[in-house]
C-alpha atoms as a PDB file:
ATOM      1  CA  PRO A   1      18.935  -9.073  -9.374  1.00  0.00           C
ATOM      2  CA  LYS A   2      16.095  -6.780  -8.324  1.00  0.00           C
ATOM      3  CA  PHE A   3      12.642  -8.348  -7.892  1.00  0.00           C
ATOM      4  CA  ALA A   4       9.188  -6.771  -7.976  1.00  0.00           C
ATOM      5  CA  LEU A   5       7.380  -7.749  -4.782  1.00  0.00           C
ATOM      6  CA  VAL A   6       3.920  -7.957  -6.324  1.00  0.00           C
ATOM      7  CA  SER A   7       4.883 -10.379  -9.108  1.00  0.00           C
ATOM      8  CA  GLN A   8       8.046 -11.735  -7.418  1.00  0.00           C
ATOM      9  CA  LYS A   9       9.670 -11.703 -10.840  1.00  0.00           C
ATOM     10  CA  PRO A  10      12.938 -10.027 -11.937  1.00  0.00           C
ATOM     11  CA  ALA A  11      12.532  -6.296 -12.540  1.00  0.00           C
ATOM     12  CA  GLY A  12      16.150  -5.331 -13.163  1.00  0.00           C
ATOM     13  CA  ALA A  13      19.549  -5.550 -11.539  1.00  0.00           C
ATOM     14  CA  GLU A  14      22.359  -3.666  -9.861  1.00  0.00           C
ATOM     15  CA  ALA A  15      25.834  -3.981 -11.359  1.00  0.00           C
ATOM     16  CA  LEU A  16      28.324  -4.967  -8.658  1.00  0.00           C
ATOM     17  CA  VAL A  17      32.076  -4.760  -9.118  1.00  0.00           C
ATOM     18  CA  ARG A  18      34.314  -7.722  -8.272  1.00  0.00           C
ATOM     19  CA  TRP A  19      38.069  -8.002  -8.770  1.00  0.00           C
ATOM     20  CA  GLN A  20      38.835 -11.399 -10.258  1.00  0.00           C
ATOM     21  CA  ALA A  21      42.501 -11.723  -9.355  1.00  0.00           C
ATOM     22  CA  THR A  22      44.797 -14.729  -9.807  1.00  0.00           C
ATOM     23  CA  GLU A  23      44.494 -15.540  -6.091  1.00  0.00           C
ATOM     24  CA  GLY A  24      40.696 -15.488  -6.270  1.00  0.00           C
ATOM     25  CA  MET A  25      37.829 -13.020  -6.133  1.00  0.00           C
ATOM     26  CA  ILE A  26      38.497  -9.828  -4.177  1.00  0.00           C
ATOM     27  CA  MET A  27      35.454  -8.051  -2.747  1.00  0.00           C
ATOM     28  CA  PRO A  28      34.925  -4.262  -2.995  1.00  0.00           C
ATOM     29  CA  GLY A  29      35.499  -3.711   0.705  1.00  0.00           C
ATOM     30  CA  GLU A  30      39.145  -4.579   0.161  1.00  0.00           C
ATOM     31  CA  PHE A  31      39.910  -2.139  -2.655  1.00  0.00           C
ATOM     32  CA  ILE A  32      37.291   0.637  -2.997  1.00  0.00           C
ATOM     33  CA  ASP A  33      38.817   2.745  -0.205  1.00  0.00           C
ATOM     34  CA  ILE A  34      42.235   2.468  -1.851  1.00  0.00           C
ATOM     35  CA  PHE A  35      40.815   3.475  -5.237  1.00  0.00           C
ATOM     36  CA  GLU A  36      39.068   6.468  -3.660  1.00  0.00           C
ATOM     37  CA  ARG A  37      42.356   7.617  -2.137  1.00  0.00           C
ATOM     38  CA  ASN A  38      44.423   7.246  -5.314  1.00  0.00           C
ATOM     39  CA  GLY A  39      41.746   8.610  -7.667  1.00  0.00           C
ATOM     40  CA  PHE A  40      41.314   5.375  -9.637  1.00  0.00           C
ATOM     41  CA  ILE A  41      37.672   5.149  -8.531  1.00  0.00           C
ATOM     42  CA  GLN A  42      36.574   7.446 -11.357  1.00  0.00           C
ATOM     43  CA  LYS A  43      38.054   5.132 -13.996  1.00  0.00           C
ATOM     44  CA  LEU A  44      36.384   2.197 -12.283  1.00  0.00           C
ATOM     45  CA  ASP A  45      33.004   3.967 -12.259  1.00  0.00           C
ATOM     46  CA  LEU A  46      33.215   4.610 -16.005  1.00  0.00           C
ATOM     47  CA  TYR A  47      34.465   1.094 -16.741  1.00  0.00           C
ATOM     48  CA  VAL A  48      31.513  -0.521 -14.948  1.00  0.00           C
ATOM     49  CA  PHE A  49      29.025   1.841 -16.587  1.00  0.00           C
ATOM     50  CA  GLU A  50      30.443   1.138 -20.040  1.00  0.00           C
ATOM     51  CA  GLN A  51      30.322  -2.629 -19.456  1.00  0.00           C
ATOM     52  CA  VAL A  52      26.660  -2.342 -18.467  1.00  0.00           C
ATOM     53  CA  CYS A  53      25.855  -0.301 -21.577  1.00  0.00           C
ATOM     54  CA  ALA A  54      27.697  -2.799 -23.780  1.00  0.00           C
ATOM     55  CA  ASP A  55      25.790  -5.729 -22.246  1.00  0.00           C
ATOM     56  CA  LEU A  56      22.435  -3.975 -22.662  1.00  0.00           C
ATOM     57  CA  ARG A  57      23.266  -3.092 -26.262  1.00  0.00           C
ATOM     58  CA  ARG A  58      24.106  -6.739 -26.983  1.00  0.00           C
ATOM     59  CA  LEU A  59      20.842  -7.972 -25.459  1.00  0.00           C
ATOM     60  CA  LEU A  60      18.858  -5.449 -27.485  1.00  0.00           C
ATOM     61  CA  ASP A  61      20.678  -6.338 -30.710  1.00  0.00           C
ATOM     62  CA  GLU A  62      19.995 -10.027 -30.109  1.00  0.00           C
ATOM     63  CA  GLY A  63      16.309  -9.326 -29.526  1.00  0.00           C
ATOM     64  CA  ARG A  64      16.525 -10.613 -25.968  1.00  0.00           C
ATOM     65  CA  ARG A  65      14.933  -9.282 -22.813  1.00  0.00           C
ATOM     66  CA  ALA A  66      16.653  -6.233 -21.312  1.00  0.00           C
ATOM     67  CA  LEU A  67      15.611  -4.799 -17.957  1.00  0.00           C
ATOM     68  CA  PRO A  68      16.928  -1.642 -16.232  1.00  0.00           C
ATOM     69  CA  VAL A  69      20.350  -1.900 -14.616  1.00  0.00           C
ATOM     70  CA  SER A  70      21.600   0.405 -11.881  1.00  0.00           C
ATOM     71  CA  VAL A  71      25.235   1.395 -11.470  1.00  0.00           C
ATOM     72  CA  ASN A  72      26.906   2.891  -8.412  1.00  0.00           C
ATOM     73  CA  VAL A  73      28.676   6.235  -8.674  1.00  0.00           C
ATOM     74  CA  SER A  74      31.408   7.266  -6.257  1.00  0.00           C
ATOM     75  CA  ARG A  75      30.689  10.454  -4.321  1.00  0.00           C
ATOM     76  CA  LEU A  76      34.138  11.686  -5.389  1.00  0.00           C
ATOM     77  CA  HIS A  77      33.208  11.296  -9.054  1.00  0.00           C
ATOM     78  CA  LEU A  78      30.225  13.604  -8.670  1.00  0.00           C
ATOM     79  CA  LEU A  79      32.443  16.664  -8.371  1.00  0.00           C
ATOM     80  CA  ASP A  80      34.273  16.003 -11.650  1.00  0.00           C
ATOM     81  CA  SER A  81      33.379  18.761 -14.120  1.00  0.00           C
ATOM     82  CA  ASP A  82      33.264  16.156 -16.933  1.00  0.00           C
ATOM     83  CA  PHE A  83      30.979  13.790 -15.023  1.00  0.00           C
ATOM     84  CA  VAL A  84      27.798  14.314 -17.071  1.00  0.00           C
ATOM     85  CA  LYS A  85      29.678  14.582 -20.365  1.00  0.00           C
ATOM     86  CA  ASP A  86      31.511  11.272 -19.772  1.00  0.00           C
ATOM     87  CA  TYR A  87      28.330   9.354 -18.977  1.00  0.00           C
ATOM     88  CA  CYS A  88      26.435  10.959 -21.851  1.00  0.00           C
ATOM     89  CA  ARG A  89      29.231   9.990 -24.251  1.00  0.00           C
ATOM     90  CA  ILE A  90      28.994   6.323 -23.220  1.00  0.00           C
ATOM     91  CA  ILE A  91      25.185   6.276 -23.517  1.00  0.00           C
ATOM     92  CA  GLU A  92      25.402   7.741 -27.015  1.00  0.00           C
ATOM     93  CA  LYS A  93      28.207   5.367 -28.021  1.00  0.00           C
ATOM     94  CA  TYR A  94      26.073   2.287 -27.311  1.00  0.00           C
ATOM     95  CA  GLU A  95      22.721   3.914 -28.112  1.00  0.00           C
ATOM     96  CA  VAL A  96      21.160   2.481 -24.971  1.00  0.00           C
ATOM     97  CA  PRO A  97      17.691   3.829 -24.091  1.00  0.00           C
ATOM     98  CA  PRO A  98      18.328   5.972 -20.995  1.00  0.00           C
ATOM     99  CA  ALA A  99      15.287   4.428 -19.290  1.00  0.00           C
ATOM    100  CA  LEU A 100      17.316   1.196 -18.978  1.00  0.00           C
ATOM    101  CA  LEU A 101      19.970   2.962 -16.900  1.00  0.00           C
ATOM    102  CA  GLU A 102      19.928   4.029 -13.279  1.00  0.00           C
ATOM    103  CA  LEU A 103      22.698   5.755 -11.333  1.00  0.00           C
ATOM    104  CA  GLU A 104      22.897   5.051  -7.614  1.00  0.00           C
ATOM    105  CA  ILE A 105      24.336   7.771  -5.405  1.00  0.00           C
ATOM    106  CA  THR A 106      24.839   7.277  -1.682  1.00  0.00           C
ATOM    107  CA  GLU A 107      22.990   9.695   0.571  1.00  0.00           C
ATOM    108  CA  ASN A 108      26.362  10.509   2.145  1.00  0.00           C
ATOM    109  CA  MET A 109      27.305  12.750  -0.780  1.00  0.00           C
ATOM    110  CA  PRO A 110      29.313  16.006  -0.535  1.00  0.00           C
ATOM    111  CA  ILE A 111      26.449  18.272   0.502  1.00  0.00           C
ATOM    112  CA  ASP A 112      28.781  21.274   0.746  1.00  0.00           C
ATOM    113  CA  SER A 113      28.587  21.277  -3.070  1.00  0.00           C
ATOM    114  CA  GLU A 114      24.806  20.940  -3.116  1.00  0.00           C
ATOM    115  CA  ASP A 115      24.053  23.641  -5.708  1.00  0.00           C
ATOM    116  CA  PHE A 116      26.502  22.085  -8.159  1.00  0.00           C
ATOM    117  CA  LEU A 117      25.076  18.597  -7.540  1.00  0.00           C
ATOM    118  CA  VAL A 118      21.499  19.741  -8.118  1.00  0.00           C
ATOM    119  CA  GLU A 119      22.605  21.035 -11.514  1.00  0.00           C
ATOM    120  CA  VAL A 120      24.423  17.764 -12.270  1.00  0.00           C
ATOM    121  CA  PHE A 121      21.473  15.588 -11.300  1.00  0.00           C
ATOM    122  CA  ASN A 122      19.000  17.717 -13.226  1.00  0.00           C
ATOM    123  CA  SER A 123      21.205  17.315 -16.314  1.00  0.00           C
ATOM    124  CA  LEU A 124      21.161  13.541 -15.868  1.00  0.00           C
ATOM    125  CA  ALA A 125      17.402  13.528 -15.325  1.00  0.00           C
ATOM    126  CA  ASP A 126      16.995  15.517 -18.546  1.00  0.00           C
ATOM    127  CA  LEU A 127      18.804  12.682 -20.354  1.00  0.00           C
ATOM    128  CA  GLY A 128      16.162  10.247 -19.116  1.00  0.00           C
ATOM    129  CA  VAL A 129      18.479   8.375 -16.754  1.00  0.00           C
ATOM    130  CA  THR A 130      16.874   7.264 -13.492  1.00  0.00           C
ATOM    131  CA  LEU A 131      18.511   8.415 -10.253  1.00  0.00           C
ATOM    132  CA  ALA A 132      18.497   6.464  -6.996  1.00  0.00           C
ATOM    133  CA  VAL A 133      19.556   7.512  -3.517  1.00  0.00           C
ATOM    134  CA  ASP A 134      21.437   4.513  -2.142  1.00  0.00           C
ATOM    135  CA  ASP A 135      21.923   3.303   1.447  1.00  0.00           C
ATOM    136  CA  PHE A 136      19.093   5.510   2.711  1.00  0.00           C
ATOM    137  CA  GLY A 137      19.115   5.675   6.491  1.00  0.00           C
ATOM    138  CA  SER A 138      22.840   5.086   6.900  1.00  0.00           C
ATOM    139  CA  GLY A 139      23.723   8.798   7.123  1.00  0.00           C
ATOM    140  CA  TYR A 140      22.346  12.065   8.438  1.00  0.00           C
ATOM    141  CA  SER A 141      21.486  14.132   5.351  1.00  0.00           C
ATOM    142  CA  SER A 142      18.591  12.028   4.123  1.00  0.00           C
ATOM    143  CA  LEU A 143      15.695  14.497   4.217  1.00  0.00           C
ATOM    144  CA  SER A 144      17.737  17.313   2.698  1.00  0.00           C
ATOM    145  CA  VAL A 145      18.761  14.997  -0.129  1.00  0.00           C
ATOM    146  CA  LEU A 146      15.154  14.014  -0.866  1.00  0.00           C
ATOM    147  CA  HIS A 147      13.984  17.614  -0.800  1.00  0.00           C
ATOM    148  CA  ASP A 148      16.610  19.080  -3.113  1.00  0.00           C
ATOM    149  CA  MET A 149      17.625  16.309  -5.526  1.00  0.00           C
ATOM    150  CA  PRO A 150      15.550  14.857  -8.417  1.00  0.00           C
ATOM    151  CA  PHE A 151      15.727  11.231  -7.274  1.00  0.00           C
ATOM    152  CA  ASN A 152      13.342   8.639  -8.708  1.00  0.00           C
ATOM    153  CA  THR A 153      14.192   5.724  -6.430  1.00  0.00           C
ATOM    154  CA  LEU A 154      14.960   5.298  -2.741  1.00  0.00           C
ATOM    155  CA  LYS A 155      16.969   2.276  -1.618  1.00  0.00           C
ATOM    156  CA  ILE A 156      16.614   1.392   2.060  1.00  0.00           C
ATOM    157  CA  ASP A 157      19.961   0.391   3.552  1.00  0.00           C
ATOM    158  CA  ARG A 158      20.416  -3.304   4.295  1.00  0.00           C
ATOM    159  CA  LEU A 159      21.284  -2.494   7.927  1.00  0.00           C
ATOM    160  CA  PHE A 160      17.573  -1.874   8.537  1.00  0.00           C
ATOM    161  CA  PHE A 161      16.866  -5.540   7.913  1.00  0.00           C
ATOM    162  CA  GLN A 162      19.513  -6.995  10.192  1.00  0.00           C
ATOM    163  CA  ASP A 163      17.593  -6.180  13.365  1.00  0.00           C
ATOM    164  CA  LYS A 164      14.977  -3.447  12.929  1.00  0.00           C
ATOM    165  CA  THR A 165      12.291  -5.746  11.490  1.00  0.00           C
ATOM    166  CA  ARG A 166      12.344  -7.632  14.790  1.00  0.00           C
ATOM    167  CA  SER A 167      10.769  -4.787  16.791  1.00  0.00           C
ATOM    168  CA  SER A 168       7.479  -2.978  16.286  1.00  0.00           C
ATOM    169  CA  LYS A 169       9.280   0.370  16.420  1.00  0.00           C
ATOM    170  CA  GLY A 170      11.731  -0.719  13.737  1.00  0.00           C
ATOM    171  CA  ARG A 171       8.937  -1.959  11.501  1.00  0.00           C
ATOM    172  CA  ARG A 172       7.073   1.349  11.892  1.00  0.00           C
ATOM    173  CA  ILE A 173      10.209   3.266  10.885  1.00  0.00           C
ATOM    174  CA  ILE A 174      10.586   1.191   7.718  1.00  0.00           C
ATOM    175  CA  GLU A 175       6.881   1.562   6.883  1.00  0.00           C
ATOM    176  CA  THR A 176       7.129   5.335   7.389  1.00  0.00           C
ATOM    177  CA  ILE A 177      10.107   5.527   5.012  1.00  0.00           C
ATOM    178  CA  VAL A 178       8.151   3.618   2.352  1.00  0.00           C
ATOM    179  CA  ILE A 179       5.085   5.834   2.719  1.00  0.00           C
ATOM    180  CA  MET A 180       7.165   9.021   2.650  1.00  0.00           C
ATOM    181  CA  ALA A 181       9.086   7.981  -0.473  1.00  0.00           C
ATOM    182  CA  GLN A 182       5.957   6.983  -2.357  1.00  0.00           C
ATOM    183  CA  LYS A 183       4.234  10.254  -1.446  1.00  0.00           C
ATOM    184  CA  LEU A 184       7.245  11.941  -3.058  1.00  0.00           C
ATOM    185  CA  GLY A 185       6.673   9.890  -6.204  1.00  0.00           C
ATOM    186  CA  MET A 186       9.654   7.606  -5.649  1.00  0.00           C
ATOM    187  CA  ALA A 187       9.888   3.847  -6.074  1.00  0.00           C
ATOM    188  CA  VAL A 188      11.268   1.995  -3.035  1.00  0.00           C
ATOM    189  CA  VAL A 189      13.854  -0.792  -3.093  1.00  0.00           C
ATOM    190  CA  ALA A 190      14.735  -2.759   0.056  1.00  0.00           C
ATOM    191  CA  GLU A 191      18.264  -4.131   0.107  1.00  0.00           C
ATOM    192  CA  GLY A 192      19.531  -7.130   2.052  1.00  0.00           C
ATOM    193  CA  VAL A 193      16.261  -9.091   2.220  1.00  0.00           C
ATOM    194  CA  GLU A 194      17.183 -12.575   3.412  1.00  0.00           C
ATOM    195  CA  SER A 195      14.000 -14.198   4.745  1.00  0.00           C
ATOM    196  CA  ARG A 196      10.396 -14.923   3.842  1.00  0.00           C
ATOM    197  CA  GLU A 197       9.309 -12.987   6.932  1.00  0.00           C
ATOM    198  CA  GLN A 198      11.079  -9.846   5.707  1.00  0.00           C
ATOM    199  CA  ALA A 199       9.677 -10.218   2.187  1.00  0.00           C
ATOM    200  CA  ASP A 200       6.118 -10.688   3.485  1.00  0.00           C
ATOM    201  CA  PHE A 201       6.436  -7.639   5.749  1.00  0.00           C
ATOM    202  CA  LEU A 202       7.731  -5.448   2.908  1.00  0.00           C
ATOM    203  CA  GLN A 203       4.982  -6.609   0.576  1.00  0.00           C
ATOM    204  CA  ALA A 204       2.364  -5.851   3.256  1.00  0.00           C
ATOM    205  CA  ILE A 205       3.567  -2.234   3.645  1.00  0.00           C
ATOM    206  CA  GLY A 206       3.680  -1.634  -0.107  1.00  0.00           C
ATOM    207  CA  CYS A 207       7.424  -1.711  -0.832  1.00  0.00           C
ATOM    208  CA  ASP A 208       7.988  -1.922  -4.597  1.00  0.00           C
ATOM    209  CA  PHE A 209      11.208  -3.889  -5.108  1.00  0.00           C
ATOM    210  CA  VAL A 210      13.665  -6.021  -3.149  1.00  0.00           C
ATOM    211  CA  GLN A 211      17.200  -7.291  -3.465  1.00  0.00           C
ATOM    212  CA  GLY A 212      18.789  -9.940  -1.299  1.00  0.00           C
ATOM    213  CA  TYR A 213      19.717 -13.552  -0.810  1.00  0.00           C
ATOM    214  CA  TYR A 214      16.108 -14.646  -0.228  1.00  0.00           C
ATOM    215  CA  PHE A 215      15.343 -14.026  -3.905  1.00  0.00           C
ATOM    216  CA  ALA A 216      18.774 -14.412  -5.518  1.00  0.00           C
ATOM    217  CA  MET A 217      22.477 -14.360  -4.757  1.00  0.00           C
ATOM    218  CA  PRO A 218      24.684 -11.998  -6.780  1.00  0.00           C
ATOM    219  CA  LEU A 219      25.053 -13.536 -10.251  1.00  0.00           C
ATOM    220  CA  SER A 220      27.506 -13.289 -13.096  1.00  0.00           C
ATOM    221  CA  ALA A 221      26.247 -11.464 -16.178  1.00  0.00           C
ATOM    222  CA  LYS A 222      25.754 -14.819 -17.917  1.00  0.00           C
ATOM    223  CA  GLU A 223      23.767 -16.241 -14.993  1.00  0.00           C
ATOM    224  CA  TYR A 224      21.649 -13.107 -14.808  1.00  0.00           C
ATOM    225  CA  GLU A 225      20.790 -13.303 -18.496  1.00  0.00           C
ATOM    226  CA  ALA A 226      19.785 -16.939 -18.011  1.00  0.00           C
ATOM    227  CA  LEU A 227      17.501 -15.847 -15.142  1.00  0.00           C
ATOM    228  CA  LEU A 228      15.776 -13.384 -17.472  1.00  0.00           C
END
């Protein structure tokens, strides 16, 4: 779940993939790299997105509360010529308001295809889908990405909160990122927030949303709907 810092109430969620195998739950770190190498990652991306759209459609049909859900997109999928068409087809199939959908793209995207990606992202933005740059601060192309791409949301990488909030320099870096993003008209989400101290600091510097164990562990779809 994603929480608004001002109200400290749920403001949406990020859909996370888990492989529920017979021997137990397998985490993404164990299979995503394999799927990227064998090309299966694109089918997985579309499967997760379709499941999210189906769940949102069901909530809407039942007259229940539906908040925006973000879905990760593999950097390899971005270069598929059918990328926008495939996602548009699923949105139309379930008639989900695009404002309830957000696509998260890591900042470590294939910048050598930047012109093509700008066109892709502008097409998605025209649909009304929100775009988020994920894991901000984990790579080296951050400022170029913010300048050229029509992102609505910036997600600060969880690595920033493992040690950088413990030093004044680290805290100033995080505050500067928040100020910069908001001056660009972007909402800011902090990932990996695990303590009251971190949450209080982020609220004090004006961060918009947080995700992390301090507010909620990852939940099943059923548990998330109960939280809403």
